[in-house]
N, C-alpha and C. Protein backbone atom coordinates (compact mmCIF):
# COMPACT_ATOMS: atom_id res chain seq x y z
N MET A 1 -14.95 -4.49 13.67
CA MET A 1 -13.74 -5.27 13.48
C MET A 1 -12.70 -4.92 14.55
N ASP A 2 -11.95 -5.93 14.99
CA ASP A 2 -10.92 -5.69 16.00
C ASP A 2 -9.54 -5.97 15.40
N LYS A 3 -8.55 -6.10 16.26
CA LYS A 3 -7.17 -6.24 15.76
C LYS A 3 -6.97 -7.49 14.91
N SER A 4 -7.82 -8.51 15.11
CA SER A 4 -7.66 -9.75 14.33
C SER A 4 -7.87 -9.48 12.84
N TYR A 5 -8.72 -8.50 12.52
CA TYR A 5 -8.90 -8.17 11.10
C TYR A 5 -7.62 -7.53 10.54
N ILE A 6 -6.99 -6.65 11.29
CA ILE A 6 -5.76 -6.01 10.83
C ILE A 6 -4.67 -7.06 10.62
N GLN A 7 -4.61 -8.02 11.53
CA GLN A 7 -3.65 -9.12 11.37
C GLN A 7 -3.94 -9.90 10.09
N LYS A 8 -5.22 -10.13 9.80
CA LYS A 8 -5.61 -10.83 8.58
C LYS A 8 -5.23 -10.02 7.34
N LEU A 9 -5.51 -8.71 7.39
CA LEU A 9 -5.18 -7.83 6.27
C LEU A 9 -3.68 -7.85 5.98
N LEU A 10 -2.87 -7.73 7.03
CA LEU A 10 -1.42 -7.73 6.83
C LEU A 10 -0.92 -9.09 6.34
N LYS A 11 -1.58 -10.16 6.75
CA LYS A 11 -1.21 -11.48 6.23
C LYS A 11 -1.53 -11.56 4.74
N CYS A 12 -2.68 -11.04 4.34
CA CYS A 12 -3.04 -11.04 2.92
C CYS A 12 -2.06 -10.22 2.09
N ILE A 13 -1.62 -9.08 2.64
CA ILE A 13 -0.63 -8.26 1.92
C ILE A 13 0.71 -9.01 1.84
N LYS A 14 1.12 -9.59 2.96
CA LYS A 14 2.36 -10.38 2.97
C LYS A 14 2.32 -11.48 1.91
N ASP A 15 1.20 -12.19 1.87
CA ASP A 15 1.06 -13.32 0.93
C ASP A 15 1.10 -12.86 -0.52
N ILE A 16 0.39 -11.77 -0.83
CA ILE A 16 0.34 -11.33 -2.23
C ILE A 16 1.68 -10.77 -2.69
N MET A 17 2.43 -10.17 -1.77
CA MET A 17 3.76 -9.67 -2.14
C MET A 17 4.72 -10.84 -2.38
N ALA A 18 4.58 -11.89 -1.59
CA ALA A 18 5.42 -13.08 -1.81
C ALA A 18 5.07 -13.74 -3.14
N GLU A 19 3.79 -13.83 -3.44
CA GLU A 19 3.34 -14.45 -4.69
C GLU A 19 3.80 -13.66 -5.92
N ASN A 20 3.90 -12.35 -5.77
CA ASN A 20 4.24 -11.48 -6.90
C ASN A 20 5.66 -10.93 -6.83
N ARG A 21 6.48 -11.56 -6.01
CA ARG A 21 7.85 -11.09 -5.84
C ARG A 21 8.60 -11.01 -7.18
N ASP A 22 8.53 -12.06 -7.96
CA ASP A 22 9.26 -12.09 -9.22
C ASP A 22 8.70 -11.07 -10.22
N TYR A 23 7.39 -10.88 -10.18
CA TYR A 23 6.76 -9.89 -11.07
C TYR A 23 7.26 -8.49 -10.74
N LEU A 24 7.33 -8.17 -9.46
CA LEU A 24 7.83 -6.86 -9.05
C LEU A 24 9.31 -6.69 -9.37
N ILE A 25 10.07 -7.76 -9.22
CA ILE A 25 11.50 -7.71 -9.58
C ILE A 25 11.66 -7.41 -11.07
N GLU A 26 10.84 -8.09 -11.87
CA GLU A 26 10.91 -7.90 -13.33
C GLU A 26 10.53 -6.47 -13.71
N LEU A 27 9.46 -5.96 -13.12
CA LEU A 27 9.04 -4.57 -13.39
C LEU A 27 10.12 -3.58 -12.99
N ASP A 28 10.65 -3.78 -11.79
CA ASP A 28 11.61 -2.83 -11.22
C ASP A 28 12.95 -2.89 -11.93
N SER A 29 13.28 -4.03 -12.53
CA SER A 29 14.57 -4.16 -13.22
C SER A 29 14.63 -3.27 -14.46
N VAL A 30 13.45 -2.86 -14.96
CA VAL A 30 13.39 -1.99 -16.14
C VAL A 30 13.67 -0.54 -15.75
N VAL A 31 13.15 -0.10 -14.60
CA VAL A 31 13.24 1.32 -14.23
C VAL A 31 14.04 1.58 -12.95
N GLY A 32 14.35 0.51 -12.20
CA GLY A 32 15.06 0.69 -10.93
C GLY A 32 16.21 -0.28 -10.82
N ASP A 33 16.48 -0.73 -9.58
CA ASP A 33 17.61 -1.65 -9.39
C ASP A 33 17.16 -3.10 -9.22
N GLY A 34 15.86 -3.36 -9.42
CA GLY A 34 15.38 -4.73 -9.46
C GLY A 34 15.12 -5.38 -8.13
N ASP A 35 15.22 -4.63 -7.03
CA ASP A 35 15.07 -5.27 -5.72
C ASP A 35 13.69 -5.07 -5.09
N LEU A 36 12.75 -4.47 -5.84
CA LEU A 36 11.45 -4.14 -5.25
C LEU A 36 10.70 -5.37 -4.76
N GLY A 37 10.76 -6.45 -5.50
CA GLY A 37 10.06 -7.66 -5.09
C GLY A 37 10.57 -8.19 -3.76
N LEU A 38 11.88 -8.14 -3.57
CA LEU A 38 12.47 -8.58 -2.32
C LEU A 38 12.11 -7.62 -1.18
N THR A 39 12.19 -6.32 -1.48
CA THR A 39 11.88 -5.32 -0.46
C THR A 39 10.44 -5.45 0.04
N MET A 40 9.51 -5.62 -0.88
CA MET A 40 8.09 -5.69 -0.50
C MET A 40 7.75 -7.02 0.19
N SER A 41 8.30 -8.11 -0.31
CA SER A 41 8.00 -9.40 0.32
C SER A 41 8.63 -9.49 1.71
N ASP A 42 9.87 -9.04 1.83
CA ASP A 42 10.54 -9.07 3.14
C ASP A 42 9.93 -8.05 4.10
N GLY A 43 9.61 -6.86 3.57
CA GLY A 43 9.08 -5.79 4.42
C GLY A 43 7.72 -6.12 4.99
N PHE A 44 6.82 -6.59 4.15
CA PHE A 44 5.47 -6.90 4.64
C PHE A 44 5.46 -8.19 5.46
N ALA A 45 6.43 -9.06 5.22
CA ALA A 45 6.56 -10.24 6.10
C ALA A 45 6.95 -9.79 7.51
N ALA A 46 7.86 -8.82 7.59
CA ALA A 46 8.26 -8.29 8.91
C ALA A 46 7.09 -7.58 9.58
N ALA A 47 6.31 -6.83 8.79
CA ALA A 47 5.14 -6.12 9.33
C ALA A 47 4.13 -7.12 9.89
N TYR A 48 3.90 -8.19 9.15
CA TYR A 48 2.92 -9.19 9.60
C TYR A 48 3.42 -9.93 10.85
N THR A 49 4.69 -10.27 10.88
CA THR A 49 5.24 -10.96 12.05
C THR A 49 5.05 -10.11 13.31
N ALA A 50 5.30 -8.80 13.17
CA ALA A 50 5.11 -7.88 14.31
C ALA A 50 3.64 -7.83 14.72
N ALA A 51 2.75 -7.84 13.73
CA ALA A 51 1.31 -7.78 14.01
C ALA A 51 0.81 -9.07 14.65
N GLU A 52 1.31 -10.18 14.14
CA GLU A 52 0.87 -11.50 14.62
C GLU A 52 1.20 -11.71 16.09
N THR A 53 2.33 -11.16 16.52
CA THR A 53 2.78 -11.36 17.90
C THR A 53 2.41 -10.19 18.81
N PHE A 54 1.66 -9.22 18.29
CA PHE A 54 1.30 -8.03 19.05
C PHE A 54 0.18 -8.38 20.03
N GLU A 55 0.38 -8.07 21.30
CA GLU A 55 -0.56 -8.53 22.33
C GLU A 55 -1.59 -7.48 22.74
N ASP A 56 -1.29 -6.20 22.55
CA ASP A 56 -2.23 -5.14 22.90
C ASP A 56 -3.44 -5.17 21.95
N SER A 57 -4.58 -4.68 22.39
CA SER A 57 -5.79 -4.63 21.55
C SER A 57 -5.91 -3.34 20.75
N ASP A 58 -4.99 -2.39 20.97
CA ASP A 58 -5.03 -1.09 20.30
C ASP A 58 -4.62 -1.24 18.83
N ILE A 59 -5.57 -1.02 17.93
CA ILE A 59 -5.35 -1.19 16.50
C ILE A 59 -4.32 -0.20 15.97
N GLY A 60 -4.37 1.03 16.47
CA GLY A 60 -3.40 2.03 16.04
C GLY A 60 -1.99 1.65 16.41
N LYS A 61 -1.81 1.20 17.64
CA LYS A 61 -0.48 0.78 18.08
C LYS A 61 0.01 -0.42 17.27
N LEU A 62 -0.91 -1.32 16.93
CA LEU A 62 -0.55 -2.49 16.13
C LEU A 62 -0.01 -2.05 14.77
N LEU A 63 -0.74 -1.16 14.11
CA LEU A 63 -0.31 -0.68 12.79
C LEU A 63 1.03 0.06 12.88
N TYR A 64 1.18 0.89 13.91
CA TYR A 64 2.42 1.65 14.06
C TYR A 64 3.60 0.70 14.31
N THR A 65 3.39 -0.29 15.18
CA THR A 65 4.43 -1.27 15.49
C THR A 65 4.82 -2.06 14.24
N SER A 66 3.82 -2.41 13.43
CA SER A 66 4.09 -3.14 12.18
C SER A 66 4.92 -2.29 11.23
N GLY A 67 4.58 -0.99 11.15
CA GLY A 67 5.35 -0.08 10.31
C GLY A 67 6.79 0.07 10.77
N LYS A 68 6.98 0.17 12.08
CA LYS A 68 8.33 0.26 12.62
C LYS A 68 9.15 -0.97 12.28
N ALA A 69 8.52 -2.14 12.39
CA ALA A 69 9.20 -3.40 12.07
C ALA A 69 9.60 -3.43 10.60
N MET A 70 8.72 -2.93 9.75
CA MET A 70 9.01 -2.90 8.32
C MET A 70 10.15 -1.94 8.01
N SER A 71 10.14 -0.77 8.66
CA SER A 71 11.19 0.22 8.40
C SER A 71 12.57 -0.31 8.81
N THR A 72 12.60 -1.13 9.85
CA THR A 72 13.85 -1.72 10.30
C THR A 72 14.31 -2.83 9.35
N ALA A 73 13.34 -3.62 8.87
CA ALA A 73 13.66 -4.77 8.02
C ALA A 73 14.12 -4.35 6.63
N VAL A 74 13.49 -3.29 6.07
CA VAL A 74 13.80 -2.88 4.70
C VAL A 74 13.96 -1.35 4.64
N PRO A 75 15.13 -0.83 5.06
CA PRO A 75 15.34 0.61 5.15
C PRO A 75 15.66 1.28 3.81
N SER A 76 15.15 0.73 2.71
CA SER A 76 15.34 1.34 1.39
C SER A 76 14.31 2.46 1.21
N THR A 77 14.38 3.16 0.09
CA THR A 77 13.43 4.25 -0.17
C THR A 77 11.99 3.75 -0.15
N MET A 78 11.70 2.70 -0.94
CA MET A 78 10.33 2.21 -1.01
C MET A 78 9.91 1.54 0.29
N GLY A 79 10.84 0.85 0.93
CA GLY A 79 10.52 0.23 2.22
C GLY A 79 10.14 1.28 3.25
N THR A 80 10.88 2.38 3.27
CA THR A 80 10.60 3.47 4.20
C THR A 80 9.25 4.12 3.90
N LEU A 81 8.94 4.30 2.62
CA LEU A 81 7.66 4.89 2.23
C LEU A 81 6.49 4.02 2.68
N MET A 82 6.59 2.72 2.42
CA MET A 82 5.49 1.81 2.79
C MET A 82 5.36 1.70 4.31
N ALA A 83 6.48 1.71 5.00
CA ALA A 83 6.45 1.69 6.47
C ALA A 83 5.83 2.98 7.01
N SER A 84 6.13 4.10 6.37
CA SER A 84 5.57 5.38 6.79
C SER A 84 4.05 5.38 6.66
N GLY A 85 3.54 4.71 5.63
CA GLY A 85 2.10 4.59 5.46
C GLY A 85 1.47 3.85 6.62
N LEU A 86 2.06 2.74 6.99
CA LEU A 86 1.54 1.96 8.13
C LEU A 86 1.61 2.76 9.42
N MET A 87 2.72 3.45 9.63
CA MET A 87 2.90 4.20 10.87
C MET A 87 1.90 5.36 10.97
N ASN A 88 1.64 6.02 9.84
CA ASN A 88 0.68 7.11 9.87
C ASN A 88 -0.74 6.60 10.12
N ALA A 89 -1.07 5.46 9.52
CA ALA A 89 -2.38 4.84 9.79
C ALA A 89 -2.50 4.52 11.28
N GLY A 90 -1.38 4.08 11.86
CA GLY A 90 -1.37 3.79 13.28
C GLY A 90 -1.63 5.01 14.13
N LYS A 91 -1.04 6.14 13.73
CA LYS A 91 -1.26 7.39 14.47
C LYS A 91 -2.72 7.82 14.41
N VAL A 92 -3.32 7.68 13.23
CA VAL A 92 -4.70 8.12 13.03
C VAL A 92 -5.69 7.25 13.82
N LEU A 93 -5.38 5.96 13.95
CA LEU A 93 -6.30 5.04 14.63
C LEU A 93 -5.88 4.70 16.06
N LYS A 94 -4.93 5.46 16.59
CA LYS A 94 -4.45 5.20 17.94
C LYS A 94 -5.61 5.24 18.95
N GLY A 95 -5.66 4.24 19.80
CA GLY A 95 -6.69 4.18 20.83
C GLY A 95 -7.92 3.37 20.43
N LYS A 96 -8.01 3.01 19.15
CA LYS A 96 -9.17 2.24 18.68
C LYS A 96 -8.95 0.75 18.93
N THR A 97 -9.95 0.11 19.52
CA THR A 97 -9.90 -1.35 19.67
C THR A 97 -10.94 -2.03 18.78
N GLN A 98 -11.89 -1.24 18.28
CA GLN A 98 -12.89 -1.71 17.31
C GLN A 98 -12.98 -0.65 16.23
N ILE A 99 -13.09 -1.07 14.97
CA ILE A 99 -13.22 -0.09 13.89
C ILE A 99 -14.40 -0.41 12.98
N SER A 100 -15.02 0.66 12.49
CA SER A 100 -16.15 0.56 11.57
C SER A 100 -15.63 0.43 10.14
N ASP A 101 -16.56 0.23 9.20
CA ASP A 101 -16.18 0.20 7.79
C ASP A 101 -15.51 1.50 7.37
N ALA A 102 -16.06 2.61 7.86
CA ALA A 102 -15.48 3.93 7.53
C ALA A 102 -14.06 4.05 8.04
N GLU A 103 -13.80 3.47 9.20
CA GLU A 103 -12.45 3.53 9.77
C GLU A 103 -11.49 2.57 9.07
N VAL A 104 -12.02 1.49 8.51
CA VAL A 104 -11.19 0.63 7.66
C VAL A 104 -10.75 1.43 6.43
N ALA A 105 -11.69 2.16 5.84
CA ALA A 105 -11.35 3.01 4.70
C ALA A 105 -10.32 4.06 5.10
N GLN A 106 -10.45 4.55 6.33
CA GLN A 106 -9.54 5.58 6.84
C GLN A 106 -8.10 5.07 6.91
N ILE A 107 -7.94 3.77 7.12
CA ILE A 107 -6.60 3.18 7.15
C ILE A 107 -5.86 3.52 5.85
N PHE A 108 -6.56 3.34 4.73
CA PHE A 108 -5.91 3.53 3.43
C PHE A 108 -5.71 5.01 3.09
N SER A 109 -6.64 5.85 3.52
CA SER A 109 -6.44 7.30 3.36
C SER A 109 -5.22 7.76 4.15
N ALA A 110 -5.13 7.29 5.39
CA ALA A 110 -4.00 7.65 6.25
C ALA A 110 -2.70 7.07 5.72
N TYR A 111 -2.77 5.86 5.19
CA TYR A 111 -1.60 5.22 4.59
C TYR A 111 -1.06 6.09 3.45
N MET A 112 -1.97 6.51 2.56
CA MET A 112 -1.57 7.35 1.44
C MET A 112 -0.97 8.67 1.93
N ASP A 113 -1.60 9.28 2.93
CA ASP A 113 -1.08 10.54 3.48
C ASP A 113 0.32 10.36 4.05
N GLY A 114 0.55 9.22 4.71
CA GLY A 114 1.88 8.95 5.26
C GLY A 114 2.94 8.84 4.19
N VAL A 115 2.57 8.22 3.07
CA VAL A 115 3.50 8.09 1.95
C VAL A 115 3.77 9.46 1.32
N ILE A 116 2.72 10.27 1.18
CA ILE A 116 2.88 11.61 0.60
C ILE A 116 3.78 12.47 1.48
N ASN A 117 3.53 12.44 2.78
CA ASN A 117 4.32 13.25 3.71
C ASN A 117 5.79 12.87 3.71
N ARG A 118 6.07 11.59 3.57
CA ARG A 118 7.46 11.12 3.58
C ARG A 118 8.14 11.33 2.23
N GLY A 119 7.41 11.03 1.14
CA GLY A 119 8.05 11.03 -0.17
C GLY A 119 7.96 12.31 -0.96
N LYS A 120 7.01 13.17 -0.59
CA LYS A 120 6.84 14.48 -1.24
C LYS A 120 6.46 14.40 -2.72
N ALA A 121 5.99 13.23 -3.18
CA ALA A 121 5.50 13.12 -4.55
C ALA A 121 4.03 13.52 -4.57
N LYS A 122 3.48 13.64 -5.76
CA LYS A 122 2.05 13.93 -5.88
C LYS A 122 1.44 13.05 -6.96
N VAL A 123 0.13 12.97 -6.95
CA VAL A 123 -0.59 12.18 -7.97
C VAL A 123 -0.23 12.73 -9.34
N GLY A 124 0.09 11.82 -10.27
CA GLY A 124 0.50 12.21 -11.61
C GLY A 124 1.99 12.16 -11.84
N ASP A 125 2.75 11.94 -10.74
CA ASP A 125 4.22 11.87 -10.84
C ASP A 125 4.73 10.47 -11.23
N LYS A 126 3.80 9.56 -11.51
CA LYS A 126 4.14 8.18 -11.90
C LYS A 126 4.81 7.45 -10.73
N THR A 127 4.05 7.33 -9.63
CA THR A 127 4.54 6.64 -8.43
C THR A 127 3.44 5.77 -7.84
N PHE A 128 3.70 5.22 -6.69
CA PHE A 128 2.74 4.48 -5.87
C PHE A 128 1.40 5.22 -5.77
N LEU A 129 1.45 6.54 -5.69
CA LEU A 129 0.24 7.34 -5.50
C LEU A 129 -0.74 7.19 -6.65
N ASP A 130 -0.24 6.92 -7.84
CA ASP A 130 -1.13 6.80 -9.00
C ASP A 130 -1.90 5.49 -9.00
N GLY A 131 -1.50 4.56 -8.14
CA GLY A 131 -2.29 3.36 -7.92
C GLY A 131 -3.19 3.48 -6.71
N ILE A 132 -2.66 4.06 -5.62
CA ILE A 132 -3.42 4.10 -4.37
C ILE A 132 -4.49 5.18 -4.36
N ASN A 133 -4.23 6.33 -4.98
CA ASN A 133 -5.20 7.44 -4.90
C ASN A 133 -6.56 7.10 -5.50
N PRO A 134 -6.62 6.54 -6.72
CA PRO A 134 -7.95 6.18 -7.24
C PRO A 134 -8.65 5.12 -6.40
N ALA A 135 -7.85 4.24 -5.77
CA ALA A 135 -8.43 3.21 -4.90
C ALA A 135 -9.05 3.83 -3.66
N VAL A 136 -8.34 4.77 -3.05
CA VAL A 136 -8.85 5.45 -1.86
C VAL A 136 -10.13 6.23 -2.19
N GLU A 137 -10.12 6.90 -3.33
CA GLU A 137 -11.31 7.66 -3.74
C GLU A 137 -12.50 6.73 -3.95
N ALA A 138 -12.28 5.60 -4.61
CA ALA A 138 -13.36 4.65 -4.87
C ALA A 138 -13.88 4.03 -3.57
N LEU A 139 -12.98 3.71 -2.66
CA LEU A 139 -13.38 3.10 -1.38
C LEU A 139 -14.17 4.09 -0.54
N ASN A 140 -13.68 5.32 -0.45
CA ASN A 140 -14.39 6.33 0.34
C ASN A 140 -15.78 6.61 -0.21
N ALA A 141 -15.89 6.68 -1.53
CA ALA A 141 -17.20 6.92 -2.16
C ALA A 141 -18.16 5.77 -1.87
N SER A 142 -17.65 4.56 -1.93
CA SER A 142 -18.49 3.38 -1.66
C SER A 142 -18.98 3.36 -0.22
N VAL A 143 -18.09 3.64 0.71
CA VAL A 143 -18.46 3.66 2.13
C VAL A 143 -19.49 4.77 2.40
N GLU A 144 -19.28 5.93 1.80
CA GLU A 144 -20.21 7.05 1.98
C GLU A 144 -21.60 6.73 1.44
N GLN A 145 -21.64 5.89 0.43
CA GLN A 145 -22.93 5.48 -0.16
C GLN A 145 -23.60 4.35 0.62
N GLY A 146 -22.92 3.87 1.68
CA GLY A 146 -23.50 2.83 2.51
C GLY A 146 -23.40 1.44 1.94
N GLU A 147 -22.55 1.24 0.97
CA GLU A 147 -22.39 -0.09 0.38
C GLU A 147 -21.63 -1.01 1.34
N PRO A 148 -21.80 -2.33 1.22
CA PRO A 148 -21.02 -3.27 2.04
C PRO A 148 -19.53 -3.09 1.79
N LEU A 149 -18.72 -3.35 2.81
CA LEU A 149 -17.28 -3.15 2.67
C LEU A 149 -16.69 -4.02 1.56
N ALA A 150 -17.25 -5.19 1.36
CA ALA A 150 -16.77 -6.07 0.29
C ALA A 150 -16.92 -5.41 -1.08
N ALA A 151 -18.01 -4.68 -1.27
CA ALA A 151 -18.23 -3.97 -2.54
C ALA A 151 -17.21 -2.85 -2.69
N GLY A 152 -16.95 -2.13 -1.60
CA GLY A 152 -15.97 -1.06 -1.63
C GLY A 152 -14.57 -1.59 -1.91
N ALA A 153 -14.24 -2.72 -1.31
CA ALA A 153 -12.91 -3.32 -1.52
C ALA A 153 -12.74 -3.75 -2.97
N LYS A 154 -13.80 -4.30 -3.54
CA LYS A 154 -13.75 -4.74 -4.95
C LYS A 154 -13.54 -3.53 -5.87
N LYS A 155 -14.28 -2.45 -5.61
CA LYS A 155 -14.14 -1.23 -6.41
C LYS A 155 -12.75 -0.62 -6.24
N ALA A 156 -12.23 -0.64 -5.01
CA ALA A 156 -10.91 -0.08 -4.74
C ALA A 156 -9.83 -0.86 -5.47
N ALA A 157 -9.93 -2.18 -5.46
CA ALA A 157 -8.95 -3.01 -6.14
C ALA A 157 -8.98 -2.76 -7.65
N ALA A 158 -10.18 -2.62 -8.20
CA ALA A 158 -10.31 -2.36 -9.64
C ALA A 158 -9.74 -0.99 -10.00
N ALA A 159 -10.01 0.00 -9.14
CA ALA A 159 -9.51 1.36 -9.39
C ALA A 159 -7.99 1.40 -9.32
N ALA A 160 -7.41 0.66 -8.37
CA ALA A 160 -5.95 0.62 -8.25
C ALA A 160 -5.33 -0.03 -9.48
N GLU A 161 -5.96 -1.09 -9.97
CA GLU A 161 -5.45 -1.77 -11.17
C GLU A 161 -5.50 -0.84 -12.38
N THR A 162 -6.61 -0.11 -12.52
CA THR A 162 -6.73 0.84 -13.62
C THR A 162 -5.67 1.95 -13.50
N GLY A 163 -5.49 2.44 -12.26
CA GLY A 163 -4.48 3.47 -12.03
C GLY A 163 -3.09 2.99 -12.40
N TYR A 164 -2.78 1.75 -12.00
CA TYR A 164 -1.48 1.16 -12.33
C TYR A 164 -1.30 1.06 -13.84
N LYS A 165 -2.31 0.56 -14.53
CA LYS A 165 -2.19 0.38 -15.98
C LYS A 165 -2.08 1.71 -16.71
N ASN A 166 -2.64 2.76 -16.11
CA ASN A 166 -2.57 4.09 -16.73
C ASN A 166 -1.21 4.77 -16.53
N THR A 167 -0.34 4.17 -15.71
CA THR A 167 0.97 4.81 -15.51
C THR A 167 1.84 4.77 -16.76
N ASN A 168 1.45 3.95 -17.75
CA ASN A 168 2.23 3.94 -18.99
C ASN A 168 1.87 5.11 -19.91
N THR A 169 1.14 6.08 -19.34
CA THR A 169 0.88 7.34 -20.07
C THR A 169 1.53 8.53 -19.36
N LEU A 170 2.17 8.27 -18.21
CA LEU A 170 2.72 9.35 -17.37
C LEU A 170 4.24 9.47 -17.51
N LEU A 171 4.71 10.68 -17.35
CA LEU A 171 6.15 10.95 -17.37
C LEU A 171 6.71 10.78 -15.96
N ALA A 172 7.78 10.02 -15.82
CA ALA A 172 8.38 9.80 -14.50
C ALA A 172 9.07 11.07 -14.00
N ILE A 173 8.80 11.43 -12.75
CA ILE A 173 9.36 12.64 -12.14
C ILE A 173 10.44 12.29 -11.12
N HIS A 174 10.36 11.09 -10.55
CA HIS A 174 11.25 10.70 -9.45
C HIS A 174 12.03 9.43 -9.81
N GLY A 175 13.15 9.23 -9.12
CA GLY A 175 13.90 7.98 -9.21
C GLY A 175 14.64 7.81 -10.53
N ARG A 176 15.13 6.60 -10.72
CA ARG A 176 15.93 6.31 -11.92
C ARG A 176 15.14 6.47 -13.20
N ALA A 177 13.85 6.15 -13.13
CA ALA A 177 13.02 6.24 -14.33
C ALA A 177 13.01 7.66 -14.88
N ALA A 178 13.10 8.65 -13.98
CA ALA A 178 13.06 10.06 -14.41
C ALA A 178 14.24 10.42 -15.31
N THR A 179 15.35 9.70 -15.17
CA THR A 179 16.53 10.00 -15.99
C THR A 179 16.31 9.63 -17.45
N ARG A 180 15.27 8.85 -17.71
CA ARG A 180 14.97 8.45 -19.09
C ARG A 180 14.18 9.53 -19.84
N GLY A 181 13.69 10.51 -19.09
CA GLY A 181 12.93 11.59 -19.73
C GLY A 181 11.68 11.05 -20.41
N GLU A 182 11.46 11.49 -21.64
CA GLU A 182 10.24 11.13 -22.37
C GLU A 182 10.14 9.61 -22.58
N ALA A 183 11.27 8.93 -22.62
CA ALA A 183 11.27 7.48 -22.82
C ALA A 183 10.65 6.73 -21.64
N SER A 184 10.51 7.43 -20.50
CA SER A 184 9.90 6.78 -19.33
C SER A 184 8.39 6.67 -19.46
N ARG A 185 7.82 7.43 -20.37
CA ARG A 185 6.36 7.55 -20.41
C ARG A 185 5.64 6.22 -20.66
N THR A 186 6.18 5.38 -21.51
CA THR A 186 5.48 4.14 -21.89
C THR A 186 5.66 3.01 -20.89
N LEU A 187 6.48 3.24 -19.86
CA LEU A 187 6.76 2.18 -18.89
C LEU A 187 5.72 2.16 -17.78
N LEU A 188 5.40 0.96 -17.30
CA LEU A 188 4.51 0.81 -16.14
C LEU A 188 5.31 1.07 -14.87
N ASP A 189 4.68 1.72 -13.90
CA ASP A 189 5.38 2.06 -12.66
C ASP A 189 5.31 0.94 -11.63
N PRO A 190 6.45 0.46 -11.15
CA PRO A 190 6.45 -0.62 -10.15
C PRO A 190 5.78 -0.22 -8.83
N GLY A 191 5.92 1.04 -8.43
CA GLY A 191 5.30 1.50 -7.19
C GLY A 191 3.79 1.41 -7.26
N ALA A 192 3.23 1.81 -8.40
CA ALA A 192 1.78 1.71 -8.58
C ALA A 192 1.34 0.24 -8.60
N ALA A 193 2.23 -0.64 -9.06
CA ALA A 193 1.92 -2.08 -9.01
C ALA A 193 1.80 -2.54 -7.56
N VAL A 194 2.65 -2.01 -6.69
CA VAL A 194 2.57 -2.34 -5.26
C VAL A 194 1.23 -1.89 -4.69
N ALA A 195 0.79 -0.68 -5.08
CA ALA A 195 -0.51 -0.19 -4.63
C ALA A 195 -1.63 -1.12 -5.09
N MET A 196 -1.56 -1.54 -6.35
CA MET A 196 -2.55 -2.47 -6.89
C MET A 196 -2.60 -3.76 -6.07
N LEU A 197 -1.43 -4.29 -5.72
CA LEU A 197 -1.37 -5.54 -4.96
C LEU A 197 -1.91 -5.36 -3.53
N ILE A 198 -1.61 -4.22 -2.92
CA ILE A 198 -2.14 -3.95 -1.58
C ILE A 198 -3.66 -3.93 -1.60
N MET A 199 -4.24 -3.29 -2.60
CA MET A 199 -5.70 -3.20 -2.67
C MET A 199 -6.34 -4.54 -3.05
N LYS A 200 -5.65 -5.35 -3.83
CA LYS A 200 -6.14 -6.70 -4.12
C LYS A 200 -6.10 -7.53 -2.83
N ALA A 201 -5.06 -7.35 -2.05
CA ALA A 201 -4.97 -8.05 -0.76
C ALA A 201 -6.10 -7.61 0.17
N PHE A 202 -6.41 -6.33 0.14
CA PHE A 202 -7.54 -5.81 0.91
C PHE A 202 -8.83 -6.51 0.49
N GLU A 203 -9.04 -6.60 -0.82
CA GLU A 203 -10.23 -7.31 -1.32
C GLU A 203 -10.24 -8.76 -0.83
N ASN A 204 -9.09 -9.41 -0.88
CA ASN A 204 -8.99 -10.79 -0.39
C ASN A 204 -9.32 -10.91 1.09
N SER A 205 -8.93 -9.88 1.86
CA SER A 205 -9.12 -9.93 3.31
C SER A 205 -10.58 -9.82 3.72
N ILE A 206 -11.42 -9.26 2.84
CA ILE A 206 -12.83 -9.08 3.14
C ILE A 206 -13.66 -10.28 2.69
N GLU A 207 -13.15 -11.01 1.72
CA GLU A 207 -13.90 -12.17 1.19
C GLU A 207 -14.08 -13.24 2.26
């Protein structure tokens, strides 16, 4: 796969965030300030626009440039975290003009690492990581087993959805939700919903 696949992937993410903007706003209005749907739809639209007009064939540079565009467009906490994921994936894949299935999987591992490094949260803290981590694990396992990338993407999307739905058993450690204490436990995490949507977009990009 070359840079055209990354452009397709970012378009799929942009589209799914736009389609689910109101859903994310509704989720976030319960535990945050309600702007998550706007942040994600505007942020990934900026990332895709940067990718679409990117002329170099370097996939790493494309991802990094897209992340920079997103960080400029939506400099909020979640916008910065998602942009950091893109930028870290760009650093890991710098110099690549063609990528294998394993390197596609590496994009999401690097994305997660970028979010962890920036946000300092961990799995179980009721954040984006509780959606993305099971997806990354499922995708890596599928690739290691030699399955087609489409199968891995399907498993990753399902794992992210399960992870998101399981956030209503976790205690919030960060953000406004954490101020609710034990009352935060039954709420679904909007960040994990974003992870679920990213992995669904990934599945869409392979179909």
